[in-house]
C-alpha atoms as a PDB file:
ATOM      1  CA  MET A   1     -28.551  34.845  86.830  1.00  0.00           C
ATOM      2  CA  GLU A   2     -27.457  34.190  90.359  1.00  0.00           C
ATOM      3  CA  ILE A   3     -24.542  36.196  91.723  1.00  0.00           C
ATOM      4  CA  LEU A   4     -22.240  33.695  93.431  1.00  0.00           C
ATOM      5  CA  LYS A   5     -19.207  35.800  94.347  1.00  0.00           C
ATOM      6  CA  SER A   6     -17.843  39.315  94.222  1.00  0.00           C
ATOM      7  CA  ALA A   7     -16.482  40.396  90.829  1.00  0.00           C
ATOM      8  CA  THR A   8     -15.349  43.606  89.161  1.00  0.00           C
ATOM      9  CA  ALA A   9     -14.946  44.947  85.648  1.00  0.00           C
ATOM     10  CA  GLY A  10     -13.574  48.210  84.299  1.00  0.00           C
ATOM     11  CA  THR A  11     -11.107  50.841  85.448  1.00  0.00           C
ATOM     12  CA  LEU A  12     -11.057  54.257  87.059  1.00  0.00           C
ATOM     13  CA  GLU A  13      -9.685  55.867  83.908  1.00  0.00           C
ATOM     14  CA  SER A  14     -11.458  58.766  82.243  1.00  0.00           C
ATOM     15  CA  SER A  15     -14.473  57.696  80.115  1.00  0.00           C
ATOM     16  CA  ASP A  16     -14.696  54.313  81.884  1.00  0.00           C
ATOM     17  CA  ALA A  17     -16.454  52.866  84.908  1.00  0.00           C
ATOM     18  CA  LEU A  18     -15.498  50.423  87.647  1.00  0.00           C
ATOM     19  CA  VAL A  19     -18.378  48.032  88.348  1.00  0.00           C
ATOM     20  CA  THR A  20     -18.410  45.707  91.360  1.00  0.00           C
ATOM     21  CA  VAL A  21     -21.108  43.055  91.743  1.00  0.00           C
ATOM     22  CA  GLU A  22     -21.661  41.108  94.965  1.00  0.00           C
ATOM     23  CA  PRO A  23     -24.347  38.791  96.304  1.00  0.00           C
ATOM     24  CA  GLY A  24     -27.201  40.702  97.926  1.00  0.00           C
ATOM     25  CA  GLU A  25     -30.913  40.836  98.646  1.00  0.00           C
ATOM     26  CA  GLY A  26     -32.854  42.506  95.868  1.00  0.00           C
ATOM     27  CA  ILE A  27     -31.027  45.024  93.724  1.00  0.00           C
ATOM     28  CA  GLU A  28     -28.939  47.487  95.718  1.00  0.00           C
ATOM     29  CA  LEU A  29     -27.244  50.080  93.501  1.00  0.00           C
ATOM     30  CA  GLU A  30     -24.606  52.473  94.783  1.00  0.00           C
ATOM     31  CA  LEU A  31     -23.554  54.985  92.136  1.00  0.00           C
ATOM     32  CA  SER A  32     -20.906  57.674  92.187  1.00  0.00           C
ATOM     33  CA  SER A  33     -20.139  59.601  89.025  1.00  0.00           C
ATOM     34  CA  SER A  34     -18.208  62.639  87.892  1.00  0.00           C
ATOM     35  CA  VAL A  35     -21.261  63.552  85.777  1.00  0.00           C
ATOM     36  CA  ILE A  36     -24.046  62.517  88.172  1.00  0.00           C
ATOM     37  CA  ASN A  37     -25.735  65.931  88.093  1.00  0.00           C
ATOM     38  CA  GLN A  38     -26.069  65.838  84.312  1.00  0.00           C
ATOM     39  CA  TYR A  39     -26.590  62.132  83.595  1.00  0.00           C
ATOM     40  CA  GLY A  40     -27.307  60.374  86.901  1.00  0.00           C
ATOM     41  CA  ARG A  41     -30.809  59.208  85.950  1.00  0.00           C
ATOM     42  CA  GLN A  42     -29.658  57.852  82.579  1.00  0.00           C
ATOM     43  CA  ILE A  43     -26.675  56.054  84.128  1.00  0.00           C
ATOM     44  CA  ARG A  44     -28.881  54.458  86.784  1.00  0.00           C
ATOM     45  CA  ALA A  45     -31.477  53.437  84.161  1.00  0.00           C
ATOM     46  CA  THR A  46     -28.792  51.877  81.924  1.00  0.00           C
ATOM     47  CA  ILE A  47     -27.367  49.830  84.813  1.00  0.00           C
ATOM     48  CA  LEU A  48     -30.762  48.629  86.030  1.00  0.00           C
ATOM     49  CA  GLU A  49     -31.905  47.790  82.480  1.00  0.00           C
ATOM     50  CA  THR A  50     -28.760  45.732  81.912  1.00  0.00           C
ATOM     51  CA  LEU A  51     -29.255  43.839  85.179  1.00  0.00           C
ATOM     52  CA  ASP A  52     -32.866  43.183  84.188  1.00  0.00           C
ATOM     53  CA  ARG A  53     -31.857  41.819  80.766  1.00  0.00           C
ATOM     54  CA  LEU A  54     -29.354  39.521  82.464  1.00  0.00           C
ATOM     55  CA  GLN A  55     -32.146  38.407  84.827  1.00  0.00           C
ATOM     56  CA  VAL A  56     -30.199  39.424  87.933  1.00  0.00           C
ATOM     57  CA  GLN A  57     -32.624  39.719  90.842  1.00  0.00           C
ATOM     58  CA  ASN A  58     -30.360  39.752  93.895  1.00  0.00           C
ATOM     59  CA  ALA A  59     -27.146  41.761  93.837  1.00  0.00           C
ATOM     60  CA  ARG A  60     -25.295  44.613  95.464  1.00  0.00           C
ATOM     61  CA  VAL A  61     -23.871  46.703  92.617  1.00  0.00           C
ATOM     62  CA  THR A  62     -21.345  49.487  93.104  1.00  0.00           C
ATOM     63  CA  VAL A  63     -20.476  51.703  90.144  1.00  0.00           C
ATOM     64  CA  VAL A  64     -17.782  54.378  90.079  1.00  0.00           C
ATOM     65  CA  ASP A  65     -18.350  56.187  86.794  1.00  0.00           C
ATOM     66  CA  LYS A  66     -15.801  58.472  85.177  1.00  0.00           C
ATOM     67  CA  GLY A  67     -17.948  59.630  82.258  1.00  0.00           C
ATOM     68  CA  ALA A  68     -18.502  56.288  80.521  1.00  0.00           C
ATOM     69  CA  LEU A  69     -20.865  56.022  77.575  1.00  0.00           C
ATOM     70  CA  ASP A  70     -23.955  53.799  77.870  1.00  0.00           C
ATOM     71  CA  CYS A  71     -22.347  51.070  75.774  1.00  0.00           C
ATOM     72  CA  THR A  72     -19.361  51.008  78.126  1.00  0.00           C
ATOM     73  CA  LEU A  73     -21.597  50.820  81.190  1.00  0.00           C
ATOM     74  CA  LYS A  74     -23.530  47.919  79.669  1.00  0.00           C
ATOM     75  CA  ALA A  75     -20.315  46.070  78.826  1.00  0.00           C
ATOM     76  CA  ARG A  76     -18.851  46.579  82.311  1.00  0.00           C
ATOM     77  CA  VAL A  77     -22.026  45.427  84.077  1.00  0.00           C
ATOM     78  CA  GLU A  78     -22.341  42.417  81.760  1.00  0.00           C
ATOM     79  CA  CYS A  79     -18.707  41.411  82.318  1.00  0.00           C
ATOM     80  CA  ALA A  80     -18.894  41.781  86.117  1.00  0.00           C
ATOM     81  CA  VAL A  81     -22.096  39.704  86.265  1.00  0.00           C
ATOM     82  CA  PHE A  82     -20.643  36.913  84.117  1.00  0.00           C
ATOM     83  CA  ARG A  83     -17.466  36.883  86.221  1.00  0.00           C
ATOM     84  CA  SER A  84     -19.504  36.696  89.422  1.00  0.00           C
ATOM     85  CA  CYS A  85     -21.463  33.715  88.101  1.00  0.00           C
ATOM     86  CA  GLY A  86     -18.307  31.765  87.311  1.00  0.00           C
ATOM     87  CA  LYS A  87     -19.064  31.557  83.584  1.00  0.00           C
ATOM     88  CA  SER A  88     -16.115  30.488  81.477  1.00  0.00           C
ATOM     89  CA  ALA A  89     -15.124  32.301  78.311  1.00  0.00           C
ATOM     90  CA  SER A  90     -16.369  29.396  76.221  1.00  0.00           C
ATOM     91  CA  ASN A  91     -20.022  29.681  77.250  1.00  0.00           C
ATOM     92  CA  ILE A  92     -20.542  33.431  77.631  1.00  0.00           C
ATOM     93  CA  PRO A  93     -23.132  34.779  75.179  1.00  0.00           C
ATOM     94  CA  TRP A  94     -21.251  38.045  74.530  1.00  0.00           C
ATOM     95  CA  GLY A  95     -23.420  40.524  72.733  1.00  0.00           C
ATOM     96  CA  GLY A  96     -26.389  38.191  72.619  1.00  0.00           C
ATOM     97  CA  VAL A  97     -27.882  39.285  75.912  1.00  0.00           C
ATOM     98  CA  ILE A  98     -27.356  43.025  75.596  1.00  0.00           C
ATOM     99  CA  ARG A  99     -29.322  44.907  72.969  1.00  0.00           C
END
């Protein structure tokens, strides 16, 4: 998928994450997390795996994690990517892309 504009998904509440996706060159991931020392590698892997499944090749992704579970991270990344591509609610394959 091609990132056309900046888009966000999520909140800064506890157990959630705020994901911002913008056009970029290659995949640039900026991650800040309240649990980065314990789960930083897993969080990064989940985000990159989700971007790969969505076939995103060029994006600047900023994630502010507040202890979100993997399923929440996947949902937030998926939503931000679809919003940035200008997909309407009628043609979004929710759940079909993420495994």
